[in-house]
């Protein structure tokens, strides 16, 4: 079922997992997050260390075209990685 809420406490878990993977020389291991990914959560999730973000409702909805919604998500992720703000 789509449209689930993101669980904010997951950010700490992502950070800890990324740290453990890095300490063990496993930087190439992907961390996927599914649930509540949208323009407001994508940046913090990517900054925490996730490398795969599953976003269904944020992309396929009545608020914008698929292309526009993808552009918004990519911008949020890009801003999180560079530290810039809109």
PDB file of N, CA and C in Angstrom:
ATOM      1  N   UNK A   1       0.838  -1.175   0.000  1.00  0.00           N
ATOM      2  CA  UNK A   1       0.000   0.000   0.000  1.00  0.00           C
ATOM      3  C   UNK A   1       0.887   1.243   0.000  1.00  0.00           C
ATOM      4  N   UNK A   2       0.614   2.187  -0.838  1.00  0.00           N
ATOM      5  CA  UNK A   2       1.421   3.394  -0.943  1.00  0.00           C
ATOM      6  C   UNK A   2       0.983   4.468   0.029  1.00  0.00           C
ATOM      7  N   UNK A   3       1.784   5.514   0.096  1.00  0.00           N
ATOM      8  CA  UNK A   3       1.447   6.661   0.911  1.00  0.00           C
ATOM      9  C   UNK A   3       1.773   6.510   2.385  1.00  0.00           C
ATOM     10  N   UNK A   4       2.659   5.587   2.728  1.00  0.00           N
ATOM     11  CA  UNK A   4       3.028   5.397   4.129  1.00  0.00           C
ATOM     12  C   UNK A   4       3.858   6.573   4.624  1.00  0.00           C
ATOM     13  N   UNK A   5       3.810   6.802   5.922  1.00  0.00           N
ATOM     14  CA  UNK A   5       4.594   7.862   6.540  1.00  0.00           C
ATOM     15  C   UNK A   5       6.019   7.385   6.788  1.00  0.00           C
ATOM     16  N   UNK A   6       6.963   8.301   6.640  1.00  0.00           N
ATOM     17  CA  UNK A   6       8.345   7.999   6.964  1.00  0.00           C
ATOM     18  C   UNK A   6       8.496   7.992   8.485  1.00  0.00           C
ATOM     19  N   UNK A   7       9.271   7.070   9.008  1.00  0.00           N
ATOM     20  CA  UNK A   7       9.503   6.974  10.444  1.00  0.00           C
ATOM     21  C   UNK A   7      10.811   7.713  10.745  1.00  0.00           C
ATOM     22  N   UNK A   8      10.729   8.908  11.341  1.00  0.00           N
ATOM     23  CA  UNK A   8      11.928   9.731  11.555  1.00  0.00           C
ATOM     24  C   UNK A   8      13.051   9.035  12.304  1.00  0.00           C
ATOM     25  N   UNK A   9      12.732   8.144  13.229  1.00  0.00           N
ATOM     26  CA  UNK A   9      13.788   7.453  13.973  1.00  0.00           C
ATOM     27  C   UNK A   9      14.626   6.557  13.069  1.00  0.00           C
ATOM     28  N   UNK A  10      14.159   6.313  11.860  1.00  0.00           N
ATOM     29  CA  UNK A  10      14.924   5.515  10.898  1.00  0.00           C
ATOM     30  C   UNK A  10      16.214   6.215  10.486  1.00  0.00           C
ATOM     31  N   UNK A  11      16.246   7.537  10.547  1.00  0.00           N
ATOM     32  CA  UNK A  11      17.448   8.270  10.146  1.00  0.00           C
ATOM     33  C   UNK A  11      18.650   7.843  10.978  1.00  0.00           C
ATOM     34  N   UNK A  12      18.477   7.730  12.282  1.00  0.00           N
ATOM     35  CA  UNK A  12      19.588   7.299  13.136  1.00  0.00           C
ATOM     36  C   UNK A  12      20.045   5.896  12.773  1.00  0.00           C
ATOM     37  N   UNK A  13      19.114   5.031  12.440  1.00  0.00           N
ATOM     38  CA  UNK A  13      19.455   3.660  12.065  1.00  0.00           C
ATOM     39  C   UNK A  13      20.248   3.631  10.764  1.00  0.00           C
ATOM     40  N   UNK A  14      19.862   4.485   9.829  1.00  0.00           N
ATOM     41  CA  UNK A  14      20.582   4.563   8.545  1.00  0.00           C
ATOM     42  C   UNK A  14      22.004   5.049   8.780  1.00  0.00           C
ATOM     43  N   UNK A  15      22.149   6.086   9.602  1.00  0.00           N
ATOM     44  CA  UNK A  15      23.478   6.625   9.914  1.00  0.00           C
ATOM     45  C   UNK A  15      24.346   5.546  10.551  1.00  0.00           C
ATOM     46  N   UNK A  16      23.804   4.830  11.520  1.00  0.00           N
ATOM     47  CA  UNK A  16      24.579   3.773  12.204  1.00  0.00           C
ATOM     48  C   UNK A  16      24.966   2.663  11.240  1.00  0.00           C
ATOM     49  N   UNK A  17      24.027   2.261  10.385  1.00  0.00           N
ATOM     50  CA  UNK A  17      24.323   1.202   9.423  1.00  0.00           C
ATOM     51  C   UNK A  17      25.404   1.641   8.448  1.00  0.00           C
ATOM     52  N   UNK A  18      25.306   2.864   7.952  1.00  0.00           N
ATOM     53  CA  UNK A  18      26.323   3.362   7.019  1.00  0.00           C
ATOM     54  C   UNK A  18      27.684   3.388   7.698  1.00  0.00           C
ATOM     55  N   UNK A  19      27.730   3.797   8.955  1.00  0.00           N
ATOM     56  CA  UNK A  19      28.986   3.847   9.700  1.00  0.00           C
ATOM     57  C   UNK A  19      29.592   2.442   9.840  1.00  0.00           C
ATOM     58  N   UNK A  20      28.775   1.473  10.189  1.00  0.00           N
ATOM     59  CA  UNK A  20      29.253   0.097  10.343  1.00  0.00           C
ATOM     60  C   UNK A  20      29.777  -0.437   9.013  1.00  0.00           C
ATOM     61  N   UNK A  21      29.041  -0.191   7.948  1.00  0.00           N
ATOM     62  CA  UNK A  21      29.480  -0.660   6.633  1.00  0.00           C
ATOM     63  C   UNK A  21      30.816  -0.036   6.251  1.00  0.00           C
ATOM     64  N   UNK A  22      30.945   1.256   6.505  1.00  0.00           N
ATOM     65  CA  UNK A  22      32.192   1.956   6.187  1.00  0.00           C
ATOM     66  C   UNK A  22      33.346   1.411   7.020  1.00  0.00           C
ATOM     67  N   UNK A  23      33.110   1.206   8.309  1.00  0.00           N
ATOM     68  CA  UNK A  23      34.158   0.675   9.191  1.00  0.00           C
ATOM     69  C   UNK A  23      34.632  -0.703   8.748  1.00  0.00           C
ATOM     70  N   UNK A  24      33.759  -1.455   8.111  1.00  0.00           N
ATOM     71  CA  UNK A  24      34.099  -2.811   7.671  1.00  0.00           C
ATOM     72  C   UNK A  24      34.559  -2.862   6.216  1.00  0.00           C
ATOM     73  N   UNK A  25      34.749  -1.688   5.619  1.00  0.00           N
ATOM     74  CA  UNK A  25      35.215  -1.636   4.246  1.00  0.00           C
ATOM     75  C   UNK A  25      34.160  -2.031   3.228  1.00  0.00           C
ATOM     76  N   UNK A  26      32.906  -1.843   3.590  1.00  0.00           N
ATOM     77  CA  UNK A  26      31.797  -2.247   2.717  1.00  0.00           C
ATOM     78  C   UNK A  26      31.015  -1.041   2.206  1.00  0.00           C
ATOM     79  N   UNK A  27      31.730   0.006   1.845  1.00  0.00           N
ATOM     80  CA  UNK A  27      31.091   1.235   1.377  1.00  0.00           C
ATOM     81  C   UNK A  27      30.204   1.018   0.166  1.00  0.00           C
ATOM     82  N   UNK A  28      30.510  -0.008  -0.632  1.00  0.00           N
ATOM     83  CA  UNK A  28      29.757  -0.260  -1.858  1.00  0.00           C
ATOM     84  C   UNK A  28      28.371  -0.852  -1.593  1.00  0.00           C
ATOM     85  N   UNK A  29      28.116  -1.315  -0.377  1.00  0.00           N
ATOM     86  CA  UNK A  29      26.817  -1.905  -0.053  1.00  0.00           C
ATOM     87  C   UNK A  29      25.744  -0.824  -0.084  1.00  0.00           C
ATOM     88  N   UNK A  30      24.672  -1.118  -0.801  1.00  0.00           N
ATOM     89  CA  UNK A  30      23.562  -0.174  -0.928  1.00  0.00           C
ATOM     90  C   UNK A  30      22.653  -0.247   0.298  1.00  0.00           C
ATOM     91  N   UNK A  31      22.140   0.898   0.727  1.00  0.00           N
ATOM     92  CA  UNK A  31      21.125   0.955   1.772  1.00  0.00           C
ATOM     93  C   UNK A  31      19.864   1.495   1.116  1.00  0.00           C
ATOM     94  N   UNK A  32      18.808   0.693   1.139  1.00  0.00           N
ATOM     95  CA  UNK A  32      17.541   1.081   0.516  1.00  0.00           C
ATOM     96  C   UNK A  32      16.534   1.471   1.584  1.00  0.00           C
ATOM     97  N   UNK A  33      15.763   2.515   1.299  1.00  0.00           N
ATOM     98  CA  UNK A  33      14.713   2.974   2.203  1.00  0.00           C
ATOM     99  C   UNK A  33      13.419   3.049   1.412  1.00  0.00           C
ATOM    100  N   UNK A  34      12.395   2.424   1.956  1.00  0.00           N
ATOM    101  CA  UNK A  34      11.082   2.377   1.316  1.00  0.00           C
ATOM    102  C   UNK A  34      10.040   2.769   2.351  1.00  0.00           C
ATOM    103  N   UNK A  35       9.258   3.769   2.041  1.00  0.00           N
ATOM    104  CA  UNK A  35       8.188   4.188   2.943  1.00  0.00           C
ATOM    105  C   UNK A  35       8.314   5.655   3.296  1.00  0.00           C
ATOM    106  N   UNK A  36       7.415   6.454   2.787  1.00  0.00           N
ATOM    107  CA  UNK A  36       7.374   7.864   3.135  1.00  0.00           C
ATOM    108  C   UNK A  36       8.436   8.712   2.465  1.00  0.00           C
ATOM    109  N   UNK A  37       8.977   8.245   1.353  1.00  0.00           N
ATOM    110  CA  UNK A  37       9.988   9.034   0.643  1.00  0.00           C
ATOM    111  C   UNK A  37       9.280  10.028  -0.273  1.00  0.00           C
ATOM    112  N   UNK A  38       9.575  11.306  -0.047  1.00  0.00           N
ATOM    113  CA  UNK A  38       9.042  12.400  -0.874  1.00  0.00           C
ATOM    114  C   UNK A  38      10.035  13.554  -0.792  1.00  0.00           C
ATOM    115  N   UNK A  39       9.716  14.683  -1.361  1.00  0.00           N
ATOM    116  CA  UNK A  39      10.672  15.789  -1.457  1.00  0.00           C
ATOM    117  C   UNK A  39      11.181  16.263  -0.097  1.00  0.00           C
ATOM    118  N   UNK A  40      10.392  16.150   0.951  1.00  0.00           N
ATOM    119  CA  UNK A  40      10.825  16.610   2.270  1.00  0.00           C
ATOM    120  C   UNK A  40      11.669  15.569   3.007  1.00  0.00           C
ATOM    121  N   UNK A  41      11.524  14.293   2.676  1.00  0.00           N
ATOM    122  CA  UNK A  41      12.277  13.254   3.382  1.00  0.00           C
ATOM    123  C   UNK A  41      13.466  12.725   2.586  1.00  0.00           C
ATOM    124  N   UNK A  42      13.451  12.891   1.286  1.00  0.00           N
ATOM    125  CA  UNK A  42      14.511  12.329   0.440  1.00  0.00           C
ATOM    126  C   UNK A  42      15.884  12.880   0.799  1.00  0.00           C
ATOM    127  N   UNK A  43      15.980  14.164   1.031  1.00  0.00           N
ATOM    128  CA  UNK A  43      17.259  14.781   1.368  1.00  0.00           C
ATOM    129  C   UNK A  43      17.846  14.245   2.666  1.00  0.00           C
ATOM    130  N   UNK A  44      17.099  14.295   3.763  1.00  0.00           N
ATOM    131  CA  UNK A  44      17.630  13.759   5.013  1.00  0.00           C
ATOM    132  C   UNK A  44      17.995  12.278   4.934  1.00  0.00           C
ATOM    133  N   UNK A  45      17.214  11.504   4.200  1.00  0.00           N
ATOM    134  CA  UNK A  45      17.492  10.067   4.062  1.00  0.00           C
ATOM    135  C   UNK A  45      18.799   9.857   3.287  1.00  0.00           C
ATOM    136  N   UNK A  46      18.979  10.608   2.213  1.00  0.00           N
ATOM    137  CA  UNK A  46      20.219  10.500   1.431  1.00  0.00           C
ATOM    138  C   UNK A  46      21.409  10.979   2.253  1.00  0.00           C
ATOM    139  N   UNK A  47      21.240  12.066   2.978  1.00  0.00           N
ATOM    140  CA  UNK A  47      22.318  12.598   3.810  1.00  0.00           C
ATOM    141  C   UNK A  47      22.703  11.598   4.909  1.00  0.00           C
ATOM    142  N   UNK A  48      21.735  10.846   5.406  1.00  0.00           N
ATOM    143  CA  UNK A  48      22.002   9.849   6.450  1.00  0.00           C
ATOM    144  C   UNK A  48      22.823   8.683   5.919  1.00  0.00           C
ATOM    145  N   UNK A  49      22.782   8.457   4.606  1.00  0.00           N
ATOM    146  CA  UNK A  49      23.600   7.393   4.035  1.00  0.00           C
ATOM    147  C   UNK A  49      22.874   6.407   3.152  1.00  0.00           C
ATOM    148  N   UNK A  50      21.571   6.594   2.961  1.00  0.00           N
ATOM    149  CA  UNK A  50      20.837   5.701   2.065  1.00  0.00           C
ATOM    150  C   UNK A  50      21.246   5.981   0.627  1.00  0.00           C
ATOM    151  N   UNK A  51      21.295   4.916  -0.173  1.00  0.00           N
ATOM    152  CA  UNK A  51      21.690   5.063  -1.572  1.00  0.00           C
ATOM    153  C   UNK A  51      20.596   4.669  -2.542  1.00  0.00           C
ATOM    154  N   UNK A  52      19.558   4.010  -2.046  1.00  0.00           N
ATOM    155  CA  UNK A  52      18.411   3.639  -2.865  1.00  0.00           C
ATOM    156  C   UNK A  52      17.162   4.128  -2.142  1.00  0.00           C
ATOM    157  N   UNK A  53      16.416   5.002  -2.792  1.00  0.00           N
ATOM    158  CA  UNK A  53      15.188   5.525  -2.208  1.00  0.00           C
ATOM    159  C   UNK A  53      14.013   5.065  -3.055  1.00  0.00           C
ATOM    160  N   UNK A  54      13.062   4.412  -2.426  1.00  0.00           N
ATOM    161  CA  UNK A  54      11.878   3.903  -3.119  1.00  0.00           C
ATOM    162  C   UNK A  54      10.760   4.912  -2.904  1.00  0.00           C
ATOM    163  N   UNK A  55      10.316   5.512  -3.992  1.00  0.00           N
ATOM    164  CA  UNK A  55       9.304   6.566  -3.891  1.00  0.00           C
ATOM    165  C   UNK A  55       8.200   6.295  -4.900  1.00  0.00           C
ATOM    166  N   UNK A  56       7.105   5.763  -4.446  1.00  0.00           N
ATOM    167  CA  UNK A  56       5.982   5.486  -5.336  1.00  0.00           C
ATOM    168  C   UNK A  56       5.016   6.647  -5.404  1.00  0.00           C
ATOM    169  N   UNK A  57       4.364   6.932  -4.288  1.00  0.00           N
ATOM    170  CA  UNK A  57       3.334   7.975  -4.247  1.00  0.00           C
ATOM    171  C   UNK A  57       3.889   9.360  -4.529  1.00  0.00           C
ATOM    172  N   UNK A  58       5.161   9.566  -4.218  1.00  0.00           N
ATOM    173  CA  UNK A  58       5.772  10.870  -4.474  1.00  0.00           C
ATOM    174  C   UNK A  58       5.980  11.108  -5.961  1.00  0.00           C
ATOM    175  N   UNK A  59       6.038  10.038  -6.727  1.00  0.00           N
ATOM    176  CA  UNK A  59       6.268  10.149  -8.171  1.00  0.00           C
ATOM    177  C   UNK A  59       4.963  10.032  -8.955  1.00  0.00           C
ATOM    178  N   UNK A  60       4.147   9.071  -8.576  1.00  0.00           N
ATOM    179  CA  UNK A  60       2.895   8.813  -9.290  1.00  0.00           C
ATOM    180  C   UNK A  60       1.727   9.370  -8.484  1.00  0.00           C
ATOM    181  N   UNK A  61       1.365  10.618  -8.781  1.00  0.00           N
ATOM    182  CA  UNK A  61       0.277  11.272  -8.062  1.00  0.00           C
ATOM    183  C   UNK A  61      -0.374  12.342  -8.936  1.00  0.00           C
ATOM    184  N   UNK A  62      -1.350  13.014  -8.392  1.00  0.00           N
ATOM    185  CA  UNK A  62      -2.074  14.062  -9.125  1.00  0.00           C
ATOM    186  C   UNK A  62      -1.485  15.449  -8.902  1.00  0.00           C
ATOM    187  N   UNK A  63      -0.405  15.554  -8.136  1.00  0.00           N
ATOM    188  CA  UNK A  63       0.175  16.864  -7.821  1.00  0.00           C
ATOM    189  C   UNK A  63       1.074  17.388  -8.928  1.00  0.00           C
ATOM    190  N   UNK A  64       1.587  16.498  -9.758  1.00  0.00           N
ATOM    191  CA  UNK A  64       2.468  16.914 -10.835  1.00  0.00           C
ATOM    192  C   UNK A  64       2.730  15.745 -11.760  1.00  0.00           C
ATOM    193  N   UNK A  65       3.382  16.033 -12.847  1.00  0.00           N
ATOM    194  CA  UNK A  65       3.721  14.959 -13.779  1.00  0.00           C
ATOM    195  C   UNK A  65       4.827  14.098 -13.174  1.00  0.00           C
ATOM    196  N   UNK A  66       4.996  12.907 -13.709  1.00  0.00           N
ATOM    197  CA  UNK A  66       6.065  12.029 -13.251  1.00  0.00           C
ATOM    198  C   UNK A  66       7.412  12.743 -13.397  1.00  0.00           C
ATOM    199  N   UNK A  67       7.626  13.390 -14.514  1.00  0.00           N
ATOM    200  CA  UNK A  67       8.893  14.090 -14.756  1.00  0.00           C
ATOM    201  C   UNK A  67       9.109  15.206 -13.737  1.00  0.00           C
ATOM    202  N   UNK A  68       8.068  15.992 -13.458  1.00  0.00           N
ATOM    203  CA  UNK A  68       8.189  17.076 -12.479  1.00  0.00           C
ATOM    204  C   UNK A  68       8.456  16.533 -11.082  1.00  0.00           C
ATOM    205  N   UNK A  69       7.758  15.472 -10.719  1.00  0.00           N
ATOM    206  CA  UNK A  69       7.937  14.886  -9.397  1.00  0.00           C
ATOM    207  C   UNK A  69       9.337  14.298  -9.236  1.00  0.00           C
ATOM    208  N   UNK A  70       9.834  13.643 -10.268  1.00  0.00           N
ATOM    209  CA  UNK A  70      11.206  13.115 -10.225  1.00  0.00           C
ATOM    210  C   UNK A  70      12.219  14.245 -10.105  1.00  0.00           C
ATOM    211  N   UNK A  71      11.987  15.305 -10.841  1.00  0.00           N
ATOM    212  CA  UNK A  71      12.882  16.461 -10.798  1.00  0.00           C
ATOM    213  C   UNK A  71      12.941  17.034  -9.376  1.00  0.00           C
ATOM    214  N   UNK A  72      11.785  17.118  -8.731  1.00  0.00           N
ATOM    215  CA  UNK A  72      11.720  17.647  -7.367  1.00  0.00           C
ATOM    216  C   UNK A  72      12.474  16.744  -6.383  1.00  0.00           C
ATOM    217  N   UNK A  73      12.299  15.435  -6.520  1.00  0.00           N
ATOM    218  CA  UNK A  73      13.016  14.496  -5.654  1.00  0.00           C
ATOM    219  C   UNK A  73      14.525  14.581  -5.878  1.00  0.00           C
ATOM    220  N   UNK A  74      14.929  14.606  -7.122  1.00  0.00           N
ATOM    221  CA  UNK A  74      16.360  14.686  -7.436  1.00  0.00           C
ATOM    222  C   UNK A  74      16.967  15.981  -6.909  1.00  0.00           C
ATOM    223  N   UNK A  75      16.222  17.073  -7.002  1.00  0.00           N
ATOM    224  CA  UNK A  75      16.706  18.352  -6.485  1.00  0.00           C
ATOM    225  C   UNK A  75      16.886  18.277  -4.971  1.00  0.00           C
ATOM    226  N   UNK A  76      15.940  17.664  -4.282  1.00  0.00           N
ATOM    227  CA  UNK A  76      16.027  17.535  -2.825  1.00  0.00           C
ATOM    228  C   UNK A  76      17.238  16.704  -2.427  1.00  0.00           C
ATOM    229  N   UNK A  77      17.495  15.645  -3.157  1.00  0.00           N
ATOM    230  CA  UNK A  77      18.652  14.783  -2.870  1.00  0.00           C
ATOM    231  C   UNK A  77      19.950  15.539  -3.170  1.00  0.00           C
ATOM    232  N   UNK A  78      19.974  16.232  -4.295  1.00  0.00           N
ATOM    233  CA  UNK A  78      21.156  17.009  -4.663  1.00  0.00           C
ATOM    234  C   UNK A  78      21.471  18.086  -3.646  1.00  0.00           C
ATOM    235  N   UNK A  79      20.451  18.765  -3.152  1.00  0.00           N
ATOM    236  CA  UNK A  79      20.648  19.799  -2.146  1.00  0.00           C
ATOM    237  C   UNK A  79      21.178  19.202  -0.847  1.00  0.00           C
ATOM    238  N   UNK A  80      20.695  18.027  -0.507  1.00  0.00           N
ATOM    239  CA  UNK A  80      21.148  17.373   0.720  1.00  0.00           C
ATOM    240  C   UNK A  80      22.620  17.000   0.623  1.00  0.00           C
ATOM    241  N   UNK A  81      23.043  16.560  -0.534  1.00  0.00           N
ATOM    242  CA  UNK A  81      24.422  16.131  -0.709  1.00  0.00           C
ATOM    243  C   UNK A  81      25.393  17.310  -0.757  1.00  0.00           C
ATOM    244  N   UNK A  82      24.932  18.442  -1.296  1.00  0.00           N
ATOM    245  CA  UNK A  82      25.816  19.598  -1.406  1.00  0.00           C
ATOM    246  C   UNK A  82      25.650  20.556  -0.237  1.00  0.00           C
ATOM    247  N   UNK A  83      24.585  20.381   0.547  1.00  0.00           N
ATOM    248  CA  UNK A  83      24.349  21.257   1.685  1.00  0.00           C
ATOM    249  C   UNK A  83      23.651  22.557   1.324  1.00  0.00           C
ATOM    250  N   UNK A  84      23.237  22.698   0.066  1.00  0.00           N
ATOM    251  CA  UNK A  84      22.540  23.923  -0.350  1.00  0.00           C
ATOM    252  C   UNK A  84      21.073  23.855   0.026  1.00  0.00           C
ATOM    253  N   UNK A  85      20.465  24.994   0.052  1.00  0.00           N
ATOM    254  CA  UNK A  85      19.035  25.107   0.384  1.00  0.00           C
ATOM    255  C   UNK A  85      18.312  25.818  -0.742  1.00  0.00           C
ATOM    256  N   UNK A  86      17.007  25.512  -0.852  1.00  0.00           N
ATOM    257  CA  UNK A  86      16.185  26.193  -1.854  1.00  0.00           C
ATOM    258  C   UNK A  86      15.809  27.563  -1.385  1.00  0.00           C
TER     259      UNK A  86
END
